[in-house]
Amino acid sequence: MTARAADGEWTCDAVLDGPLPEGRQEVFDALVQADPVLTLHFGEGGEILVDVVAAGDGARLVLTAHEPAAHALQG
């Protein structure tokens, strides 16, 4: 996956690096619909939770920094 900043906030466009193997696109789509919060790992060992939304034909994704709901923080 290749991600790049899309605006001054923490929003990115992401494009899969080539098509997923046969049958994997449906699984990926189902996972994003069921739980659109994924962990984005960086090469230097950092990571961040992101919300994922498919855009266009599904080959492009929009990533935004995950903000837990206020009631979830009160725990």
PDB file of N, CA and C in Angstrom:
ATOM      1  N   MET A   1       0.849  -1.156   0.000  1.00  0.00           N
ATOM      2  CA  MET A   1       0.000   0.000   0.000  1.00  0.00           C
ATOM      3  C   MET A   1       0.899   1.224   0.000  1.00  0.00           C
ATOM      4  N   THR A   2       0.539   2.201  -0.788  1.00  0.00           N
ATOM      5  CA  THR A   2       1.239   3.475  -0.820  1.00  0.00           C
ATOM      6  C   THR A   2       0.289   4.536  -0.296  1.00  0.00           C
ATOM      7  N   ALA A   3       0.727   5.283   0.725  1.00  0.00           N
ATOM      8  CA  ALA A   3      -0.117   6.331   1.320  1.00  0.00           C
ATOM      9  C   ALA A   3       0.579   7.677   1.164  1.00  0.00           C
ATOM     10  N   ARG A   4      -0.220   8.737   1.000  1.00  0.00           N
ATOM     11  CA  ARG A   4       0.320  10.090   0.916  1.00  0.00           C
ATOM     12  C   ARG A   4      -0.640  11.038   1.597  1.00  0.00           C
ATOM     13  N   ALA A   5      -0.126  12.127   2.137  1.00  0.00           N
ATOM     14  CA  ALA A   5      -0.962  13.123   2.808  1.00  0.00           C
ATOM     15  C   ALA A   5      -1.891  13.772   1.795  1.00  0.00           C
ATOM     16  N   ALA A   6      -3.161  13.969   2.194  1.00  0.00           N
ATOM     17  CA  ALA A   6      -4.145  14.551   1.287  1.00  0.00           C
ATOM     18  C   ALA A   6      -4.534  15.962   1.682  1.00  0.00           C
ATOM     19  N   ASP A   7      -4.279  16.363   2.934  1.00  0.00           N
ATOM     20  CA  ASP A   7      -4.616  17.722   3.361  1.00  0.00           C
ATOM     21  C   ASP A   7      -3.764  18.100   4.562  1.00  0.00           C
ATOM     22  N   GLY A   8      -4.000  19.263   5.150  1.00  0.00           N
ATOM     23  CA  GLY A   8      -3.233  19.739   6.288  1.00  0.00           C
ATOM     24  C   GLY A   8      -3.562  19.020   7.579  1.00  0.00           C
ATOM     25  N   GLU A   9      -4.686  18.312   7.628  1.00  0.00           N
ATOM     26  CA  GLU A   9      -5.044  17.501   8.792  1.00  0.00           C
ATOM     27  C   GLU A   9      -4.316  16.170   8.652  1.00  0.00           C
ATOM     28  N   TRP A  10      -4.754  15.153   9.383  1.00  0.00           N
ATOM     29  CA  TRP A  10      -4.130  13.848   9.252  1.00  0.00           C
ATOM     30  C   TRP A  10      -5.057  12.967   8.421  1.00  0.00           C
ATOM     31  N   THR A  11      -5.163  13.311   7.133  1.00  0.00           N
ATOM     32  CA  THR A  11      -5.945  12.514   6.193  1.00  0.00           C
ATOM     33  C   THR A  11      -5.027  12.114   5.052  1.00  0.00           C
ATOM     34  N   CYS A  12      -5.113  10.864   4.621  1.00  0.00           N
ATOM     35  CA  CYS A  12      -4.273  10.358   3.537  1.00  0.00           C
ATOM     36  C   CYS A  12      -5.112   9.648   2.496  1.00  0.00           C
ATOM     37  N   ASP A  13      -4.610   9.669   1.279  1.00  0.00           N
ATOM     38  CA  ASP A  13      -5.097   8.782   0.235  1.00  0.00           C
ATOM     39  C   ASP A  13      -4.165   7.584   0.245  1.00  0.00           C
ATOM     40  N   ALA A  14      -4.685   6.410   0.003  1.00  0.00           N
ATOM     41  CA  ALA A  14      -3.857   5.214  -0.084  1.00  0.00           C
ATOM     42  C   ALA A  14      -4.299   4.393  -1.288  1.00  0.00           C
ATOM     43  N   VAL A  15      -3.341   3.800  -1.949  1.00  0.00           N
ATOM     44  CA  VAL A  15      -3.611   2.959  -3.110  1.00  0.00           C
ATOM     45  C   VAL A  15      -2.905   1.636  -2.884  1.00  0.00           C
ATOM     46  N   LEU A  16      -3.628   0.542  -3.102  1.00  0.00           N
ATOM     47  CA  LEU A  16      -3.007  -0.778  -2.988  1.00  0.00           C
ATOM     48  C   LEU A  16      -1.952  -0.917  -4.074  1.00  0.00           C
ATOM     49  N   ASP A  17      -0.828  -1.515  -3.743  1.00  0.00           N
ATOM     50  CA  ASP A  17       0.259  -1.701  -4.698  1.00  0.00           C
ATOM     51  C   ASP A  17      -0.022  -2.920  -5.571  1.00  0.00           C
ATOM     52  N   GLY A  18      -0.919  -2.740  -6.509  1.00  0.00           N
ATOM     53  CA  GLY A  18      -1.307  -3.831  -7.390  1.00  0.00           C
ATOM     54  C   GLY A  18      -2.573  -4.492  -6.889  1.00  0.00           C
ATOM     55  N   PRO A  19      -3.233  -5.230  -7.752  1.00  0.00           N
ATOM     56  CA  PRO A  19      -4.480  -5.898  -7.344  1.00  0.00           C
ATOM     57  C   PRO A  19      -4.198  -7.005  -6.333  1.00  0.00           C
ATOM     58  N   LEU A  20      -5.173  -7.221  -5.460  1.00  0.00           N
ATOM     59  CA  LEU A  20      -5.067  -8.323  -4.506  1.00  0.00           C
ATOM     60  C   LEU A  20      -5.271  -9.639  -5.240  1.00  0.00           C
ATOM     61  N   PRO A  21      -4.684 -10.733  -4.725  1.00  0.00           N
ATOM     62  CA  PRO A  21      -4.890 -12.042  -5.353  1.00  0.00           C
ATOM     63  C   PRO A  21      -6.383 -12.386  -5.403  1.00  0.00           C
ATOM     64  N   GLU A  22      -6.740 -13.250  -6.323  1.00  0.00           N
ATOM     65  CA  GLU A  22      -8.137 -13.640  -6.509  1.00  0.00           C
ATOM     66  C   GLU A  22      -8.767 -14.080  -5.194  1.00  0.00           C
ATOM     67  N   GLY A  23      -9.947 -13.560  -4.910  1.00  0.00           N
ATOM     68  CA  GLY A  23     -10.667 -13.897  -3.693  1.00  0.00           C
ATOM     69  C   GLY A  23     -10.302 -13.037  -2.499  1.00  0.00           C
ATOM     70  N   ARG A  24      -9.168 -12.368  -2.528  1.00  0.00           N
ATOM     71  CA  ARG A  24      -8.727 -11.558  -1.394  1.00  0.00           C
ATOM     72  C   ARG A  24      -9.401 -10.193  -1.349  1.00  0.00           C
ATOM     73  N   GLN A  25      -9.794  -9.649  -2.517  1.00  0.00           N
ATOM     74  CA  GLN A  25     -10.440  -8.337  -2.540  1.00  0.00           C
ATOM     75  C   GLN A  25     -11.756  -8.377  -1.773  1.00  0.00           C
ATOM     76  N   GLU A  26     -12.529  -9.447  -1.938  1.00  0.00           N
ATOM     77  CA  GLU A  26     -13.801  -9.577  -1.235  1.00  0.00           C
ATOM     78  C   GLU A  26     -13.576  -9.658   0.271  1.00  0.00           C
ATOM     79  N   VAL A  27     -12.544 -10.389   0.687  1.00  0.00           N
ATOM     80  CA  VAL A  27     -12.222 -10.511   2.111  1.00  0.00           C
ATOM     81  C   VAL A  27     -11.794  -9.155   2.662  1.00  0.00           C
ATOM     82  N   PHE A  28     -10.937  -8.448   1.938  1.00  0.00           N
ATOM     83  CA  PHE A  28     -10.483  -7.125   2.363  1.00  0.00           C
ATOM     84  C   PHE A  28     -11.665  -6.169   2.486  1.00  0.00           C
ATOM     85  N   ASP A  29     -12.546  -6.155   1.489  1.00  0.00           N
ATOM     86  CA  ASP A  29     -13.721  -5.281   1.518  1.00  0.00           C
ATOM     87  C   ASP A  29     -14.609  -5.597   2.723  1.00  0.00           C
ATOM     88  N   ALA A  30     -14.824  -6.878   3.002  1.00  0.00           N
ATOM     89  CA  ALA A  30     -15.661  -7.277   4.136  1.00  0.00           C
ATOM     90  C   ALA A  30     -15.034  -6.838   5.457  1.00  0.00           C
ATOM     91  N   LEU A  31     -13.715  -6.966   5.590  1.00  0.00           N
ATOM     92  CA  LEU A  31     -13.032  -6.540   6.809  1.00  0.00           C
ATOM     93  C   LEU A  31     -13.158  -5.034   7.021  1.00  0.00           C
ATOM     94  N   VAL A  32     -12.987  -4.263   5.969  1.00  0.00           N
ATOM     95  CA  VAL A  32     -13.090  -2.801   6.075  1.00  0.00           C
ATOM     96  C   VAL A  32     -14.511  -2.405   6.454  1.00  0.00           C
ATOM     97  N   GLN A  33     -15.515  -3.086   5.921  1.00  0.00           N
ATOM     98  CA  GLN A  33     -16.902  -2.768   6.263  1.00  0.00           C
ATOM     99  C   GLN A  33     -17.235  -3.190   7.689  1.00  0.00           C
ATOM    100  N   ALA A  34     -16.699  -4.325   8.140  1.00  0.00           N
ATOM    101  CA  ALA A  34     -17.012  -4.834   9.476  1.00  0.00           C
ATOM    102  C   ALA A  34     -16.316  -4.031  10.574  1.00  0.00           C
ATOM    103  N   ASP A  35     -15.059  -3.665  10.363  1.00  0.00           N
ATOM    104  CA  ASP A  35     -14.286  -2.922  11.363  1.00  0.00           C
ATOM    105  C   ASP A  35     -13.286  -2.049  10.623  1.00  0.00           C
ATOM    106  N   PRO A  36     -13.674  -0.824  10.318  1.00  0.00           N
ATOM    107  CA  PRO A  36     -12.819   0.033   9.488  1.00  0.00           C
ATOM    108  C   PRO A  36     -11.646   0.675  10.222  1.00  0.00           C
ATOM    109  N   VAL A  37     -11.274   0.167  11.394  1.00  0.00           N
ATOM    110  CA  VAL A  37     -10.115   0.696  12.120  1.00  0.00           C
ATOM    111  C   VAL A  37      -8.960  -0.291  11.936  1.00  0.00           C
ATOM    112  N   LEU A  38      -7.895   0.181  11.307  1.00  0.00           N
ATOM    113  CA  LEU A  38      -6.728  -0.648  11.050  1.00  0.00           C
ATOM    114  C   LEU A  38      -5.493  -0.001  11.667  1.00  0.00           C
ATOM    115  N   THR A  39      -4.450  -0.779  11.841  1.00  0.00           N
ATOM    116  CA  THR A  39      -3.176  -0.257  12.329  1.00  0.00           C
ATOM    117  C   THR A  39      -2.261  -0.034  11.142  1.00  0.00           C
ATOM    118  N   LEU A  40      -1.802   1.205  10.979  1.00  0.00           N
ATOM    119  CA  LEU A  40      -0.864   1.559   9.920  1.00  0.00           C
ATOM    120  C   LEU A  40       0.535   1.510  10.535  1.00  0.00           C
ATOM    121  N   HIS A  41       1.390   0.627  10.012  1.00  0.00           N
ATOM    122  CA  HIS A  41       2.752   0.457  10.524  1.00  0.00           C
ATOM    123  C   HIS A  41       3.721   1.228   9.645  1.00  0.00           C
ATOM    124  N   PHE A  42       4.683   1.893  10.281  1.00  0.00           N
ATOM    125  CA  PHE A  42       5.711   2.635   9.571  1.00  0.00           C
ATOM    126  C   PHE A  42       7.009   1.837   9.585  1.00  0.00           C
ATOM    127  N   GLY A  43       7.838   2.031   8.578  1.00  0.00           N
ATOM    128  CA  GLY A  43       9.087   1.295   8.448  1.00  0.00           C
ATOM    129  C   GLY A  43      10.015   1.413   9.636  1.00  0.00           C
ATOM    130  N   GLU A  44      10.008   2.551  10.323  1.00  0.00           N
ATOM    131  CA  GLU A  44      10.908   2.747  11.456  1.00  0.00           C
ATOM    132  C   GLU A  44      10.338   2.221  12.766  1.00  0.00           C
ATOM    133  N   GLY A  45       9.240   1.471  12.719  1.00  0.00           N
ATOM    134  CA  GLY A  45       8.688   0.838  13.909  1.00  0.00           C
ATOM    135  C   GLY A  45       7.499   1.542  14.530  1.00  0.00           C
ATOM    136  N   GLY A  46       7.144   2.729  14.073  1.00  0.00           N
ATOM    137  CA  GLY A  46       5.981   3.428  14.613  1.00  0.00           C
ATOM    138  C   GLY A  46       4.692   2.869  14.034  1.00  0.00           C
ATOM    139  N   GLU A  47       3.592   3.183  14.689  1.00  0.00           N
ATOM    140  CA  GLU A  47       2.280   2.766  14.187  1.00  0.00           C
ATOM    141  C   GLU A  47       1.223   3.740  14.678  1.00  0.00           C
ATOM    142  N   ILE A  48       0.080   3.752  13.978  1.00  0.00           N
ATOM    143  CA  ILE A  48      -1.039   4.612  14.333  1.00  0.00           C
ATOM    144  C   ILE A  48      -2.326   3.907  13.915  1.00  0.00           C
ATOM    145  N   LEU A  49      -3.388   4.079  14.718  1.00  0.00           N
ATOM    146  CA  LEU A  49      -4.703   3.559  14.335  1.00  0.00           C
ATOM    147  C   LEU A  49      -5.332   4.512  13.342  1.00  0.00           C
ATOM    148  N   VAL A  50      -5.907   3.966  12.268  1.00  0.00           N
ATOM    149  CA  VAL A  50      -6.552   4.779  11.250  1.00  0.00           C
ATOM    150  C   VAL A  50      -7.932   4.225  10.923  1.00  0.00           C
ATOM    151  N   ASP A  51      -8.844   5.131  10.587  1.00  0.00           N
ATOM    152  CA  ASP A  51     -10.148   4.748  10.040  1.00  0.00           C
ATOM    153  C   ASP A  51      -9.969   4.640   8.538  1.00  0.00           C
ATOM    154  N   VAL A  52     -10.545   3.604   7.939  1.00  0.00           N
ATOM    155  CA  VAL A  52     -10.389   3.336   6.511  1.00  0.00           C
ATOM    156  C   VAL A  52     -11.745   3.367   5.832  1.00  0.00           C
ATOM    157  N   VAL A  53     -11.815   4.092   4.710  1.00  0.00           N
ATOM    158  CA  VAL A  53     -13.024   4.142   3.892  1.00  0.00           C
ATOM    159  C   VAL A  53     -12.601   3.900   2.446  1.00  0.00           C
ATOM    160  N   ALA A  54     -13.264   2.954   1.777  1.00  0.00           N
ATOM    161  CA  ALA A  54     -12.988   2.712   0.364  1.00  0.00           C
ATOM    162  C   ALA A  54     -13.545   3.859  -0.454  1.00  0.00           C
ATOM    163  N   ALA A  55     -12.819   4.255  -1.491  1.00  0.00           N
ATOM    164  CA  ALA A  55     -13.246   5.349  -2.360  1.00  0.00           C
ATOM    165  C   ALA A  55     -13.202   4.882  -3.811  1.00  0.00           C
ATOM    166  N   GLY A  56     -14.052   5.469  -4.618  1.00  0.00           N
ATOM    167  CA  GLY A  56     -14.076   5.130  -6.033  1.00  0.00           C
ATOM    168  C   GLY A  56     -14.415   3.676  -6.255  1.00  0.00           C
ATOM    169  N   ASP A  57     -13.586   2.994  -7.018  1.00  0.00           N
ATOM    170  CA  ASP A  57     -13.835   1.587  -7.353  1.00  0.00           C
ATOM    171  C   ASP A  57     -13.306   0.629  -6.291  1.00  0.00           C
ATOM    172  N   GLY A  58     -12.869   1.164  -5.155  1.00  0.00           N
ATOM    173  CA  GLY A  58     -12.356   0.331  -4.078  1.00  0.00           C
ATOM    174  C   GLY A  58     -10.855   0.154  -4.121  1.00  0.00           C
ATOM    175  N   ALA A  59     -10.205   0.579  -5.204  1.00  0.00           N
ATOM    176  CA  ALA A  59      -8.750   0.474  -5.297  1.00  0.00           C
ATOM    177  C   ALA A  59      -8.073   1.601  -4.528  1.00  0.00           C
ATOM    178  N   ARG A  60      -8.826   2.661  -4.217  1.00  0.00           N
ATOM    179  CA  ARG A  60      -8.298   3.798  -3.466  1.00  0.00           C
ATOM    180  C   ARG A  60      -8.954   3.825  -2.102  1.00  0.00           C
ATOM    181  N   LEU A  61      -8.181   4.134  -1.085  1.00  0.00           N
ATOM    182  CA  LEU A  61      -8.677   4.199   0.279  1.00  0.00           C
ATOM    183  C   LEU A  61      -8.424   5.585   0.832  1.00  0.00           C
ATOM    184  N   VAL A  62      -9.264   6.012   1.761  1.00  0.00           N
ATOM    185  CA  VAL A  62      -9.055   7.254   2.490  1.00  0.00           C
ATOM    186  C   VAL A  62      -8.789   6.875   3.937  1.00  0.00           C
ATOM    187  N   LEU A  63      -7.653   7.332   4.470  1.00  0.00           N
ATOM    188  CA  LEU A  63      -7.247   7.023   5.838  1.00  0.00           C
ATOM    189  C   LEU A  63      -7.286   8.293   6.668  1.00  0.00           C
ATOM    190  N   THR A  64      -7.876   8.222   7.851  1.00  0.00           N
ATOM    191  CA  THR A  64      -7.850   9.343   8.791  1.00  0.00           C
ATOM    192  C   THR A  64      -7.445   8.810  10.157  1.00  0.00           C
ATOM    193  N   ALA A  65      -6.780   9.641  10.937  1.00  0.00           N
ATOM    194  CA  ALA A  65      -6.366   9.228  12.277  1.00  0.00           C
ATOM    195  C   ALA A  65      -7.605   8.832  13.069  1.00  0.00           C
ATOM    196  N   HIS A  66      -7.545   7.696  13.733  1.00  0.00           N
ATOM    197  CA  HIS A  66      -8.677   7.187  14.514  1.00  0.00           C
ATOM    198  C   HIS A  66      -8.818   7.981  15.800  1.00  0.00           C
ATOM    199  N   GLU A  67     -10.009   8.470  16.044  1.00  0.00           N
ATOM    200  CA  GLU A  67     -10.332   9.201  17.270  1.00  0.00           C
ATOM    201  C   GLU A  67     -11.363   8.367  18.024  1.00  0.00           C
ATOM    202  N   PRO A  68     -10.971   7.709  19.123  1.00  0.00           N
ATOM    203  CA  PRO A  68     -11.943   6.913  19.876  1.00  0.00           C
ATOM    204  C   PRO A  68     -13.117   7.792  20.340  1.00  0.00           C
ATOM    205  N   ALA A  69     -14.293   7.224  20.369  1.00  0.00           N
ATOM    206  CA  ALA A  69     -15.480   7.954  20.813  1.00  0.00           C
ATOM    207  C   ALA A  69     -15.288   8.399  22.263  1.00  0.00           C
ATOM    208  N   ALA A  70     -15.825   9.541  22.622  1.00  0.00           N
ATOM    209  CA  ALA A  70     -15.647  10.105  23.968  1.00  0.00           C
ATOM    210  C   ALA A  70     -16.146   9.140  25.044  1.00  0.00           C
ATOM    211  N   HIS A  71     -17.285   8.453  24.809  1.00  0.00           N
ATOM    212  CA  HIS A  71     -17.806   7.524  25.822  1.00  0.00           C
ATOM    213  C   HIS A  71     -16.887   6.318  26.007  1.00  0.00           C
ATOM    214  N   ALA A  72     -16.147   5.928  24.966  1.00  0.00           N
ATOM    215  CA  ALA A  72     -15.226   4.810  25.100  1.00  0.00           C
ATOM    216  C   ALA A  72     -14.043   5.175  25.991  1.00  0.00           C
ATOM    217  N   LEU A  73     -13.679   6.447  26.014  1.00  0.00           N
ATOM    218  CA  LEU A  73     -12.551   6.894  26.846  1.00  0.00           C
ATOM    219  C   LEU A  73     -12.920   6.925  28.326  1.00  0.00           C
ATOM    220  N   GLN A  74     -14.204   7.082  28.637  1.00  0.00           N
ATOM    221  CA  GLN A  74     -14.634   7.180  30.030  1.00  0.00           C
ATOM    222  C   GLN A  74     -14.681   5.819  30.697  1.00  0.00           C
ATOM    223  N   GLY A  75     -14.676   4.759  29.907  1.00  0.00           N
ATOM    224  CA  GLY A  75     -14.593   3.427  30.270  1.00  0.00           C
ATOM    225  C   GLY A  75     -15.116   2.671  31.276  1.00  0.00           C
TER     226      GLY A  75
END
